Amino acid sequence: HPALSEDSTEEGFTWISENAADDNVLSFVRKSGKDVLLIAFNFANVEYNCYELGVPADGKYQEIFCSAGVGFGGAEDANESLILVKDEKVCGFEQSVSVRLKPLSVSVFAYLPYTKEEQAIIEKRKAERIRIRKELLEKKKKITDARVKIREDLKVRLQAQIAEAEEKIASGSEYKKGKVNK
């Protein structure tokens, strides 16, 4: 992979989580042209099943190397399927991936951009989520407006009943007619 050796400038290297000391994880991106690799070291003797790493671009990642994998004496490869990028902010990046990190291992993930077909499907799903979210917000607003109207109507009716009762008390009409409720 050219990303490991061709670009030794600042543009070829980006820290992802250089300050994850509590987890004992160190991660960064190496890139050269279109070749992009996400590299994560797990120095802890603990397996992380859903470790969140920020990534610089939307797309997919495929694990191409795991030092704890079957080929190196491990029981299984950590991330056997493609890992899709999520629109969740992590470590200062707008997108992220959730990966499995085996104990005391290094994992290398190759970046794969979405195809045009995949991007079209993703955009369609995003538009649908936005439409549903908008509908839910409109329904919530209607419910809130209905609650406000009910409260206002109740307030007006109660004020009218209170005013009527105060008027009867002030005029003494209830006492004059002998209609005192006991």
C-alpha atoms as a PDB file:
ATOM      1  CA  HIS A   1       0.000   0.000   0.000  1.00  0.00           C
ATOM      2  CA  PRO A   2       1.486   3.314  -1.089  1.00  0.00           C
ATOM      3  CA  ALA A   3      -0.038   5.045   1.948  1.00  0.00           C
ATOM      4  CA  LEU A   4       2.508   3.351   4.190  1.00  0.00           C
ATOM      5  CA  SER A   5       5.579   4.582   2.367  1.00  0.00           C
ATOM      6  CA  GLU A   6       5.023   7.152  -0.378  1.00  0.00           C
ATOM      7  CA  ASP A   7       3.847  10.289   1.427  1.00  0.00           C
ATOM      8  CA  SER A   8       6.004  11.245   4.398  1.00  0.00           C
ATOM      9  CA  THR A   9       4.662  14.811   4.579  1.00  0.00           C
ATOM     10  CA  GLU A  10       2.081  16.108   7.055  1.00  0.00           C
ATOM     11  CA  GLU A  11      -0.635  15.563   4.441  1.00  0.00           C
ATOM     12  CA  GLY A  12       0.107  11.835   4.478  1.00  0.00           C
ATOM     13  CA  PHE A  13      -0.502  11.429   8.226  1.00  0.00           C
ATOM     14  CA  THR A  14      -3.438  12.347  10.492  1.00  0.00           C
ATOM     15  CA  TRP A  15      -3.876  11.460  14.153  1.00  0.00           C
ATOM     16  CA  ILE A  16      -7.257   9.980  15.041  1.00  0.00           C
ATOM     17  CA  SER A  17      -6.963   9.265  18.782  1.00  0.00           C
ATOM     18  CA  GLU A  18      -3.498  10.093  19.998  1.00  0.00           C
ATOM     19  CA  ASN A  19      -4.952  10.899  23.428  1.00  0.00           C
ATOM     20  CA  ALA A  20      -6.923   7.696  24.159  1.00  0.00           C
ATOM     21  CA  ALA A  21      -4.602   6.789  27.028  1.00  0.00           C
ATOM     22  CA  ASP A  22      -7.454   5.496  29.221  1.00  0.00           C
ATOM     23  CA  ASP A  23      -8.242   2.870  26.574  1.00  0.00           C
ATOM     24  CA  ASN A  24      -4.588   2.256  25.629  1.00  0.00           C
ATOM     25  CA  VAL A  25      -5.526   2.782  21.972  1.00  0.00           C
ATOM     26  CA  LEU A  26      -3.545   4.723  19.405  1.00  0.00           C
ATOM     27  CA  SER A  27      -4.972   5.351  15.929  1.00  0.00           C
ATOM     28  CA  PHE A  28      -4.077   7.358  12.864  1.00  0.00           C
ATOM     29  CA  VAL A  29      -4.611   7.604   9.121  1.00  0.00           C
ATOM     30  CA  ARG A  30      -1.901   7.200   6.491  1.00  0.00           C
ATOM     31  CA  LYS A  31      -2.674   8.320   2.957  1.00  0.00           C
ATOM     32  CA  SER A  32      -1.078   8.758  -0.415  1.00  0.00           C
ATOM     33  CA  GLY A  33      -3.287   9.845  -3.283  1.00  0.00           C
ATOM     34  CA  LYS A  34      -6.405   7.661  -3.235  1.00  0.00           C
ATOM     35  CA  ASP A  35      -4.815   5.025  -0.975  1.00  0.00           C
ATOM     36  CA  VAL A  36      -6.017   5.618   2.594  1.00  0.00           C
ATOM     37  CA  LEU A  37      -5.341   3.350   5.577  1.00  0.00           C
ATOM     38  CA  LEU A  38      -6.800   3.585   9.077  1.00  0.00           C
ATOM     39  CA  ILE A  39      -4.411   2.029  11.599  1.00  0.00           C
ATOM     40  CA  ALA A  40      -5.396   1.218  15.192  1.00  0.00           C
ATOM     41  CA  PHE A  41      -3.152  -0.163  17.928  1.00  0.00           C
ATOM     42  CA  ASN A  42      -4.767  -1.710  21.006  1.00  0.00           C
ATOM     43  CA  PHE A  43      -2.113  -1.833  23.712  1.00  0.00           C
ATOM     44  CA  ALA A  44      -4.620  -3.056  26.336  1.00  0.00           C
ATOM     45  CA  ASN A  45      -5.134  -6.681  27.267  1.00  0.00           C
ATOM     46  CA  VAL A  46      -8.855  -6.030  26.679  1.00  0.00           C
ATOM     47  CA  GLU A  47     -10.965  -6.611  23.592  1.00  0.00           C
ATOM     48  CA  TYR A  48     -13.062  -3.696  22.367  1.00  0.00           C
ATOM     49  CA  ASN A  49     -16.086  -4.956  20.422  1.00  0.00           C
ATOM     50  CA  CYS A  50     -17.414  -1.570  19.283  1.00  0.00           C
ATOM     51  CA  TYR A  51     -14.553   0.902  19.459  1.00  0.00           C
ATOM     52  CA  GLU A  52     -15.466   4.238  17.873  1.00  0.00           C
ATOM     53  CA  LEU A  53     -12.842   5.855  15.646  1.00  0.00           C
ATOM     54  CA  GLY A  54     -13.210   9.120  13.778  1.00  0.00           C
ATOM     55  CA  VAL A  55     -12.543   8.934  10.043  1.00  0.00           C
ATOM     56  CA  PRO A  56     -11.765  11.662   7.497  1.00  0.00           C
ATOM     57  CA  ALA A  57     -14.166  10.577   4.734  1.00  0.00           C
ATOM     58  CA  ASP A  58     -17.529   8.959   4.114  1.00  0.00           C
ATOM     59  CA  GLY A  59     -17.301   5.433   2.695  1.00  0.00           C
ATOM     60  CA  LYS A  60     -16.413   1.915   3.851  1.00  0.00           C
ATOM     61  CA  TYR A  61     -13.447   0.295   5.513  1.00  0.00           C
ATOM     62  CA  GLN A  62     -12.166  -3.256   5.088  1.00  0.00           C
ATOM     63  CA  GLU A  63      -9.780  -4.791   7.588  1.00  0.00           C
ATOM     64  CA  ILE A  64      -6.753  -5.927   5.603  1.00  0.00           C
ATOM     65  CA  PHE A  65      -4.514  -6.873   8.527  1.00  0.00           C
ATOM     66  CA  CYS A  66      -4.999  -7.896  12.164  1.00  0.00           C
ATOM     67  CA  SER A  67      -2.000  -9.052  14.160  1.00  0.00           C
ATOM     68  CA  ALA A  68      -4.343 -11.168  16.326  1.00  0.00           C
ATOM     69  CA  GLY A  69      -5.976 -12.822  13.301  1.00  0.00           C
ATOM     70  CA  VAL A  70      -5.984 -16.470  12.273  1.00  0.00           C
ATOM     71  CA  GLY A  71      -2.927 -16.025  10.067  1.00  0.00           C
ATOM     72  CA  PHE A  72      -0.894 -14.969  13.091  1.00  0.00           C
ATOM     73  CA  GLY A  73      -1.999 -17.593  15.604  1.00  0.00           C
ATOM     74  CA  GLY A  74      -5.224 -15.932  16.752  1.00  0.00           C
ATOM     75  CA  ALA A  75      -8.618 -17.584  17.015  1.00  0.00           C
ATOM     76  CA  GLU A  76     -10.477 -15.406  14.503  1.00  0.00           C
ATOM     77  CA  ASP A  77     -10.168 -12.266  12.454  1.00  0.00           C
ATOM     78  CA  ALA A  78     -11.543  -9.230  14.249  1.00  0.00           C
ATOM     79  CA  ASN A  79     -13.507  -7.473  11.484  1.00  0.00           C
ATOM     80  CA  GLU A  80     -14.495  -9.850   8.720  1.00  0.00           C
ATOM     81  CA  SER A  81     -17.134  -7.718   6.980  1.00  0.00           C
ATOM     82  CA  LEU A  82     -17.092  -4.218   5.518  1.00  0.00           C
ATOM     83  CA  ILE A  83     -17.432  -1.439   8.052  1.00  0.00           C
ATOM     84  CA  LEU A  84     -19.718   1.395   6.975  1.00  0.00           C
ATOM     85  CA  VAL A  85     -18.991   4.975   7.964  1.00  0.00           C
ATOM     86  CA  LYS A  86     -21.600   6.622  10.219  1.00  0.00           C
ATOM     87  CA  ASP A  87     -22.486  10.306  10.399  1.00  0.00           C
ATOM     88  CA  GLU A  88     -21.493  10.503  14.063  1.00  0.00           C
ATOM     89  CA  LYS A  89     -18.861  12.918  15.274  1.00  0.00           C
ATOM     90  CA  VAL A  90     -15.903  11.247  17.045  1.00  0.00           C
ATOM     91  CA  CYS A  91     -12.458  12.640  17.931  1.00  0.00           C
ATOM     92  CA  GLY A  92     -13.107  15.857  15.988  1.00  0.00           C
ATOM     93  CA  PHE A  93     -14.118  14.063  12.775  1.00  0.00           C
ATOM     94  CA  GLU A  94     -17.611  14.406  11.280  1.00  0.00           C
ATOM     95  CA  GLN A  95     -17.847  10.668  10.517  1.00  0.00           C
ATOM     96  CA  SER A  96     -16.831   7.556  12.404  1.00  0.00           C
ATOM     97  CA  VAL A  97     -16.617   3.775  12.295  1.00  0.00           C
ATOM     98  CA  SER A  98     -17.224   1.195  14.983  1.00  0.00           C
ATOM     99  CA  VAL A  99     -14.552  -1.515  14.892  1.00  0.00           C
ATOM    100  CA  ARG A 100     -13.557  -4.553  16.883  1.00  0.00           C
ATOM    101  CA  LEU A 101     -10.070  -4.311  18.384  1.00  0.00           C
ATOM    102  CA  LYS A 102      -8.515  -7.520  19.665  1.00  0.00           C
ATOM    103  CA  PRO A 103      -6.310  -7.333  22.797  1.00  0.00           C
ATOM    104  CA  LEU A 104      -2.650  -6.403  22.289  1.00  0.00           C
ATOM    105  CA  SER A 105      -3.029  -6.054  18.528  1.00  0.00           C
ATOM    106  CA  VAL A 106      -2.774  -3.766  15.556  1.00  0.00           C
ATOM    107  CA  SER A 107      -5.478  -3.572  12.882  1.00  0.00           C
ATOM    108  CA  VAL A 108      -5.158  -1.937   9.471  1.00  0.00           C
ATOM    109  CA  PHE A 109      -8.264  -0.910   7.530  1.00  0.00           C
ATOM    110  CA  ALA A 110      -8.296   0.094   3.862  1.00  0.00           C
ATOM    111  CA  TYR A 111     -10.654   2.900   2.850  1.00  0.00           C
ATOM    112  CA  LEU A 112     -13.112   2.145   0.049  1.00  0.00           C
ATOM    113  CA  PRO A 113     -15.210   5.029  -1.290  1.00  0.00           C
ATOM    114  CA  TYR A 114     -18.879   4.381  -1.994  1.00  0.00           C
ATOM    115  CA  THR A 115     -19.790   3.507  -5.555  1.00  0.00           C
ATOM    116  CA  LYS A 116     -22.202   5.830  -7.364  1.00  0.00           C
ATOM    117  CA  GLU A 117     -24.984   3.277  -6.842  1.00  0.00           C
ATOM    118  CA  GLU A 118     -24.258   2.995  -3.123  1.00  0.00           C
ATOM    119  CA  GLN A 119     -24.092   6.781  -2.801  1.00  0.00           C
ATOM    120  CA  ALA A 120     -27.483   7.096  -4.533  1.00  0.00           C
ATOM    121  CA  ILE A 121     -29.016   4.576  -2.115  1.00  0.00           C
ATOM    122  CA  ILE A 122     -27.475   6.382   0.869  1.00  0.00           C
ATOM    123  CA  GLU A 123     -28.763   9.766  -0.328  1.00  0.00           C
ATOM    124  CA  LYS A 124     -32.236   8.284  -0.825  1.00  0.00           C
ATOM    125  CA  ARG A 125     -32.186   6.850   2.720  1.00  0.00           C
ATOM    126  CA  LYS A 126     -30.975  10.157   4.167  1.00  0.00           C
ATOM    127  CA  ALA A 127     -33.762  12.014   2.343  1.00  0.00           C
ATOM    128  CA  GLU A 128     -36.297   9.516   3.707  1.00  0.00           C
ATOM    129  CA  ARG A 129     -34.967   9.941   7.265  1.00  0.00           C
ATOM    130  CA  ILE A 130     -35.169  13.724   6.889  1.00  0.00           C
ATOM    131  CA  ARG A 131     -38.747  13.466   5.567  1.00  0.00           C
ATOM    132  CA  ILE A 132     -39.781  11.198   8.465  1.00  0.00           C
ATOM    133  CA  ARG A 133     -38.062  13.468  10.999  1.00  0.00           C
ATOM    134  CA  LYS A 134     -39.857  16.478   9.507  1.00  0.00           C
ATOM    135  CA  GLU A 135     -43.228  14.673   9.683  1.00  0.00           C
ATOM    136  CA  LEU A 136     -42.586  13.736  13.312  1.00  0.00           C
ATOM    137  CA  LEU A 137     -41.692  17.330  14.172  1.00  0.00           C
ATOM    138  CA  GLU A 138     -44.871  18.564  12.464  1.00  0.00           C
ATOM    139  CA  LYS A 139     -46.977  16.034  14.397  1.00  0.00           C
ATOM    140  CA  LYS A 140     -45.253  17.031  17.626  1.00  0.00           C
ATOM    141  CA  LYS A 141     -45.984  20.697  16.885  1.00  0.00           C
ATOM    142  CA  LYS A 142     -49.664  19.906  16.187  1.00  0.00           C
ATOM    143  CA  ILE A 143     -49.914  18.012  19.477  1.00  0.00           C
ATOM    144  CA  THR A 144     -48.210  20.853  21.341  1.00  0.00           C
ATOM    145  CA  ASP A 145     -50.509  23.416  19.680  1.00  0.00           C
ATOM    146  CA  ALA A 146     -53.572  21.293  20.570  1.00  0.00           C
ATOM    147  CA  ARG A 147     -52.425  21.081  24.204  1.00  0.00           C
ATOM    148  CA  VAL A 148     -51.930  24.850  24.339  1.00  0.00           C
ATOM    149  CA  LYS A 149     -55.420  25.422  22.860  1.00  0.00           C
ATOM    150  CA  ILE A 150     -56.998  22.997  25.351  1.00  0.00           C
ATOM    151  CA  ARG A 151     -55.258  24.783  28.232  1.00  0.00           C
ATOM    152  CA  GLU A 152     -56.375  28.186  26.937  1.00  0.00           C
ATOM    153  CA  ASP A 153     -59.969  26.967  26.487  1.00  0.00           C
ATOM    154  CA  LEU A 154     -59.994  25.501  29.990  1.00  0.00           C
ATOM    155  CA  LYS A 155     -58.527  28.700  31.384  1.00  0.00           C
ATOM    156  CA  VAL A 156     -61.205  30.824  29.665  1.00  0.00           C
ATOM    157  CA  ARG A 157     -64.016  28.518  30.873  1.00  0.00           C
ATOM    158  CA  LEU A 158     -62.678  28.442  34.430  1.00  0.00           C
ATOM    159  CA  GLN A 159     -62.275  32.219  34.482  1.00  0.00           C
ATOM    160  CA  ALA A 160     -65.870  32.599  33.253  1.00  0.00           C
ATOM    161  CA  GLN A 161     -67.126  30.184  35.944  1.00  0.00           C
ATOM    162  CA  ILE A 162     -65.115  31.987  38.622  1.00  0.00           C
ATOM    163  CA  ALA A 163     -66.430  35.384  37.439  1.00  0.00           C
ATOM    164  CA  GLU A 164     -70.017  34.041  37.458  1.00  0.00           C
ATOM    165  CA  ALA A 165     -69.566  32.616  40.966  1.00  0.00           C
ATOM    166  CA  GLU A 166     -68.015  35.863  42.218  1.00  0.00           C
ATOM    167  CA  GLU A 167     -70.888  37.837  40.707  1.00  0.00           C
ATOM    168  CA  LYS A 168     -73.459  35.617  42.431  1.00  0.00           C
ATOM    169  CA  ILE A 169     -71.612  35.934  45.716  1.00  0.00           C
ATOM    170  CA  ALA A 170     -71.327  39.711  45.358  1.00  0.00           C
ATOM    171  CA  SER A 171     -75.018  40.101  44.533  1.00  0.00           C
ATOM    172  CA  GLY A 172     -76.044  37.647  47.209  1.00  0.00           C
ATOM    173  CA  SER A 173     -78.558  36.120  44.801  1.00  0.00           C
ATOM    174  CA  GLU A 174     -77.883  32.604  46.019  1.00  0.00           C
ATOM    175  CA  TYR A 175     -78.765  33.578  49.583  1.00  0.00           C
ATOM    176  CA  LYS A 176     -81.831  35.606  48.676  1.00  0.00           C
ATOM    177  CA  LYS A 177     -83.496  32.740  46.860  1.00  0.00           C
ATOM    178  CA  GLY A 178     -82.658  30.228  49.582  1.00  0.00           C
ATOM    179  CA  LYS A 179     -80.501  28.137  47.321  1.00  0.00           C
ATOM    180  CA  VAL A 180     -77.538  27.793  49.603  1.00  0.00           C
ATOM    181  CA  ASN A 181     -75.747  24.525  48.995  1.00  0.00           C
ATOM    182  CA  LYS A 182     -74.634  22.784  52.136  1.00  0.00           C
END
